[in-house]
């Protein structure tokens, strides 16, 4: 097992979810409920709120929706600056190839579809993969 991943096994993995749709946001806790080592420390419904608070939270993982008030790409760029040690997962209901290419150029390699509770394993696997590939 990757030692980067193993370091997280001793502590809870902190997660921030950012999604403008409250109903979809509410599916994230459902998706991770069976994983006691995952903890959602905050959920934001606007990119502006996330930018104001994510730097203080320093989460292990940030799940960013494509459809937020300031735009998913704009939000990701800013969060990568504010939270450089966090791992990122992009979420979308519409896997637009142009958007995926832009996100990948930013360095985000893992994606989940929403609503999250439809495929709990996908969310779990994405979080684990980000942690395993995260640079210290």
C-alpha atoms as a PDB file:
ATOM      1  CA  UNK A   1       0.000   0.000   0.000  1.00  0.00           C
ATOM      2  CA  UNK A   2       1.177   3.520  -0.798  1.00  0.00           C
ATOM      3  CA  UNK A   3       2.699   5.231   2.267  1.00  0.00           C
ATOM      4  CA  UNK A   4       0.967   8.529   1.381  1.00  0.00           C
ATOM      5  CA  UNK A   5      -2.341   6.730   1.765  1.00  0.00           C
ATOM      6  CA  UNK A   6      -1.308   4.876   4.924  1.00  0.00           C
ATOM      7  CA  UNK A   7      -0.651   8.115   6.814  1.00  0.00           C
ATOM      8  CA  UNK A   8      -4.341   8.981   6.512  1.00  0.00           C
ATOM      9  CA  UNK A   9      -5.518   5.687   7.994  1.00  0.00           C
ATOM     10  CA  UNK A  10      -4.675   6.820  11.517  1.00  0.00           C
ATOM     11  CA  UNK A  11      -6.819   9.964  11.365  1.00  0.00           C
ATOM     12  CA  UNK A  12     -10.153  10.928   9.900  1.00  0.00           C
ATOM     13  CA  UNK A  13     -10.011  12.042   6.295  1.00  0.00           C
ATOM     14  CA  UNK A  14     -11.491  15.527   6.207  1.00  0.00           C
ATOM     15  CA  UNK A  15     -13.688  16.403   3.259  1.00  0.00           C
ATOM     16  CA  UNK A  16     -15.218  19.622   1.965  1.00  0.00           C
ATOM     17  CA  UNK A  17     -18.046  19.453  -0.558  1.00  0.00           C
ATOM     18  CA  UNK A  18     -18.875  22.370  -2.831  1.00  0.00           C
ATOM     19  CA  UNK A  19     -22.093  22.155  -4.835  1.00  0.00           C
ATOM     20  CA  UNK A  20     -24.670  24.830  -5.604  1.00  0.00           C
ATOM     21  CA  UNK A  21     -27.559  22.344  -5.485  1.00  0.00           C
ATOM     22  CA  UNK A  22     -28.556  21.764  -1.852  1.00  0.00           C
ATOM     23  CA  UNK A  23     -30.379  18.498  -2.655  1.00  0.00           C
ATOM     24  CA  UNK A  24     -27.299  17.098  -4.391  1.00  0.00           C
ATOM     25  CA  UNK A  25     -25.041  18.337  -1.584  1.00  0.00           C
ATOM     26  CA  UNK A  26     -27.173  16.421   0.878  1.00  0.00           C
ATOM     27  CA  UNK A  27     -26.328  13.171  -0.933  1.00  0.00           C
ATOM     28  CA  UNK A  28     -22.616  13.434  -0.029  1.00  0.00           C
ATOM     29  CA  UNK A  29     -23.118  12.454   3.634  1.00  0.00           C
ATOM     30  CA  UNK A  30     -25.241   9.514   2.440  1.00  0.00           C
ATOM     31  CA  UNK A  31     -22.461   8.391   0.103  1.00  0.00           C
ATOM     32  CA  UNK A  32     -19.789   8.355   2.806  1.00  0.00           C
ATOM     33  CA  UNK A  33     -21.885   7.308   5.809  1.00  0.00           C
ATOM     34  CA  UNK A  34     -20.555   3.754   5.822  1.00  0.00           C
ATOM     35  CA  UNK A  35     -16.930   4.920   5.927  1.00  0.00           C
ATOM     36  CA  UNK A  36     -16.173   5.959   9.522  1.00  0.00           C
ATOM     37  CA  UNK A  37     -12.752   7.332   8.595  1.00  0.00           C
ATOM     38  CA  UNK A  38     -14.336   9.991   6.333  1.00  0.00           C
ATOM     39  CA  UNK A  39     -15.587  13.228   7.889  1.00  0.00           C
ATOM     40  CA  UNK A  40     -17.313  16.074   6.096  1.00  0.00           C
ATOM     41  CA  UNK A  41     -16.012  19.213   7.802  1.00  0.00           C
ATOM     42  CA  UNK A  42     -17.977  21.638   5.633  1.00  0.00           C
ATOM     43  CA  UNK A  43     -20.346  21.879   2.716  1.00  0.00           C
ATOM     44  CA  UNK A  44     -20.640  25.050   0.695  1.00  0.00           C
ATOM     45  CA  UNK A  45     -23.352  26.020  -1.769  1.00  0.00           C
ATOM     46  CA  UNK A  46     -21.346  28.825  -3.341  1.00  0.00           C
ATOM     47  CA  UNK A  47     -17.808  29.125  -4.585  1.00  0.00           C
ATOM     48  CA  UNK A  48     -17.453  32.487  -2.880  1.00  0.00           C
ATOM     49  CA  UNK A  49     -18.199  30.975   0.536  1.00  0.00           C
ATOM     50  CA  UNK A  50     -15.824  28.091  -0.129  1.00  0.00           C
ATOM     51  CA  UNK A  51     -13.000  30.447  -1.073  1.00  0.00           C
ATOM     52  CA  UNK A  52     -13.544  32.474   2.084  1.00  0.00           C
ATOM     53  CA  UNK A  53     -13.293  29.447   4.399  1.00  0.00           C
ATOM     54  CA  UNK A  54     -11.407  26.532   2.795  1.00  0.00           C
ATOM     55  CA  UNK A  55      -7.990  27.987   3.563  1.00  0.00           C
ATOM     56  CA  UNK A  56      -8.716  27.833   7.293  1.00  0.00           C
ATOM     57  CA  UNK A  57     -10.194  24.321   7.122  1.00  0.00           C
ATOM     58  CA  UNK A  58      -7.256  22.749   5.224  1.00  0.00           C
ATOM     59  CA  UNK A  59      -9.251  19.634   4.264  1.00  0.00           C
ATOM     60  CA  UNK A  60      -7.621  16.484   2.951  1.00  0.00           C
ATOM     61  CA  UNK A  61     -10.120  16.321   0.066  1.00  0.00           C
ATOM     62  CA  UNK A  62     -12.203  18.951  -1.709  1.00  0.00           C
ATOM     63  CA  UNK A  63     -15.015  17.800  -3.990  1.00  0.00           C
ATOM     64  CA  UNK A  64     -15.853  20.614  -6.419  1.00  0.00           C
ATOM     65  CA  UNK A  65     -18.989  20.740  -8.559  1.00  0.00           C
ATOM     66  CA  UNK A  66     -18.777  22.056 -12.118  1.00  0.00           C
ATOM     67  CA  UNK A  67     -21.825  24.244 -11.707  1.00  0.00           C
ATOM     68  CA  UNK A  68     -21.121  26.831  -9.028  1.00  0.00           C
ATOM     69  CA  UNK A  69     -21.762  30.559  -8.907  1.00  0.00           C
ATOM     70  CA  UNK A  70     -18.245  31.577  -9.945  1.00  0.00           C
ATOM     71  CA  UNK A  71     -17.697  28.657 -12.337  1.00  0.00           C
ATOM     72  CA  UNK A  72     -16.057  25.329 -11.609  1.00  0.00           C
ATOM     73  CA  UNK A  73     -12.787  26.093 -13.394  1.00  0.00           C
ATOM     74  CA  UNK A  74     -12.430  29.493 -11.727  1.00  0.00           C
ATOM     75  CA  UNK A  75     -13.142  27.925  -8.344  1.00  0.00           C
ATOM     76  CA  UNK A  76     -10.683  25.077  -8.880  1.00  0.00           C
ATOM     77  CA  UNK A  77      -7.894  27.462  -9.917  1.00  0.00           C
ATOM     78  CA  UNK A  78      -8.419  29.572  -6.805  1.00  0.00           C
ATOM     79  CA  UNK A  79      -8.691  26.584  -4.465  1.00  0.00           C
ATOM     80  CA  UNK A  80      -5.508  25.036  -5.848  1.00  0.00           C
ATOM     81  CA  UNK A  81      -3.744  28.242  -4.758  1.00  0.00           C
ATOM     82  CA  UNK A  82      -5.472  28.498  -1.370  1.00  0.00           C
ATOM     83  CA  UNK A  83      -5.318  24.787  -0.442  1.00  0.00           C
ATOM     84  CA  UNK A  84      -2.253  23.382  -2.206  1.00  0.00           C
ATOM     85  CA  UNK A  85      -2.005  20.380   0.128  1.00  0.00           C
ATOM     86  CA  UNK A  86      -5.621  19.299  -0.436  1.00  0.00           C
ATOM     87  CA  UNK A  87      -6.563  16.624  -2.928  1.00  0.00           C
ATOM     88  CA  UNK A  88      -9.232  17.509  -5.469  1.00  0.00           C
ATOM     89  CA  UNK A  89     -12.119  15.627  -7.011  1.00  0.00           C
ATOM     90  CA  UNK A  90     -14.335  17.204  -9.663  1.00  0.00           C
ATOM     91  CA  UNK A  91     -18.016  16.339  -9.687  1.00  0.00           C
ATOM     92  CA  UNK A  92     -20.510  16.718 -12.467  1.00  0.00           C
ATOM     93  CA  UNK A  93     -23.765  15.389 -13.830  1.00  0.00           C
ATOM     94  CA  UNK A  94     -22.645  16.175 -17.376  1.00  0.00           C
ATOM     95  CA  UNK A  95     -19.245  14.829 -18.410  1.00  0.00           C
ATOM     96  CA  UNK A  96     -18.456  17.467 -21.019  1.00  0.00           C
ATOM     97  CA  UNK A  97     -15.142  16.517 -22.700  1.00  0.00           C
ATOM     98  CA  UNK A  98     -13.990  20.153 -22.978  1.00  0.00           C
ATOM     99  CA  UNK A  99     -14.603  20.746 -19.273  1.00  0.00           C
ATOM    100  CA  UNK A 100     -12.859  17.503 -18.310  1.00  0.00           C
ATOM    101  CA  UNK A 101      -9.846  18.511 -20.383  1.00  0.00           C
ATOM    102  CA  UNK A 102      -9.666  21.900 -18.650  1.00  0.00           C
ATOM    103  CA  UNK A 103      -9.909  20.282 -15.219  1.00  0.00           C
ATOM    104  CA  UNK A 104      -7.222  17.742 -16.054  1.00  0.00           C
ATOM    105  CA  UNK A 105      -4.908  20.518 -17.241  1.00  0.00           C
ATOM    106  CA  UNK A 106      -5.234  21.962 -13.731  1.00  0.00           C
ATOM    107  CA  UNK A 107      -4.040  18.638 -12.322  1.00  0.00           C
ATOM    108  CA  UNK A 108      -7.351  17.165 -11.162  1.00  0.00           C
ATOM    109  CA  UNK A 109      -7.410  13.482 -12.120  1.00  0.00           C
ATOM    110  CA  UNK A 110     -10.456  12.092 -10.359  1.00  0.00           C
ATOM    111  CA  UNK A 111     -14.118  12.676 -11.125  1.00  0.00           C
ATOM    112  CA  UNK A 112     -17.403  11.598  -9.570  1.00  0.00           C
ATOM    113  CA  UNK A 113     -20.902  11.820 -10.943  1.00  0.00           C
ATOM    114  CA  UNK A 114     -23.700  13.332  -8.963  1.00  0.00           C
ATOM    115  CA  UNK A 115     -25.887  12.798  -7.121  1.00  0.00           C
ATOM    116  CA  UNK A 116     -23.258  11.093  -5.027  1.00  0.00           C
ATOM    117  CA  UNK A 117     -25.419   8.479  -3.324  1.00  0.00           C
ATOM    118  CA  UNK A 118     -26.149   6.762  -6.660  1.00  0.00           C
ATOM    119  CA  UNK A 119     -22.635   5.350  -6.721  1.00  0.00           C
ATOM    120  CA  UNK A 120     -21.126   5.322  -3.231  1.00  0.00           C
ATOM    121  CA  UNK A 121     -18.236   3.141  -4.387  1.00  0.00           C
ATOM    122  CA  UNK A 122     -17.265   5.721  -6.998  1.00  0.00           C
ATOM    123  CA  UNK A 123     -17.031   8.423  -4.329  1.00  0.00           C
ATOM    124  CA  UNK A 124     -15.105   6.134  -1.978  1.00  0.00           C
ATOM    125  CA  UNK A 125     -12.697   5.025  -4.712  1.00  0.00           C
ATOM    126  CA  UNK A 126     -12.072   8.592  -5.879  1.00  0.00           C
ATOM    127  CA  UNK A 127     -11.230   9.713  -2.332  1.00  0.00           C
ATOM    128  CA  UNK A 128      -8.906   6.764  -1.786  1.00  0.00           C
ATOM    129  CA  UNK A 129      -7.219   7.286  -5.158  1.00  0.00           C
ATOM    130  CA  UNK A 130      -6.636  10.979  -4.507  1.00  0.00           C
ATOM    131  CA  UNK A 131      -5.068  10.193  -1.150  1.00  0.00           C
ATOM    132  CA  UNK A 132      -2.901   7.454  -2.610  1.00  0.00           C
ATOM    133  CA  UNK A 133      -1.641   9.787  -5.326  1.00  0.00           C
ATOM    134  CA  UNK A 134      -1.352  12.910  -3.223  1.00  0.00           C
ATOM    135  CA  UNK A 135       2.098  14.432  -3.014  1.00  0.00           C
ATOM    136  CA  UNK A 136       3.284  15.355   0.455  1.00  0.00           C
END
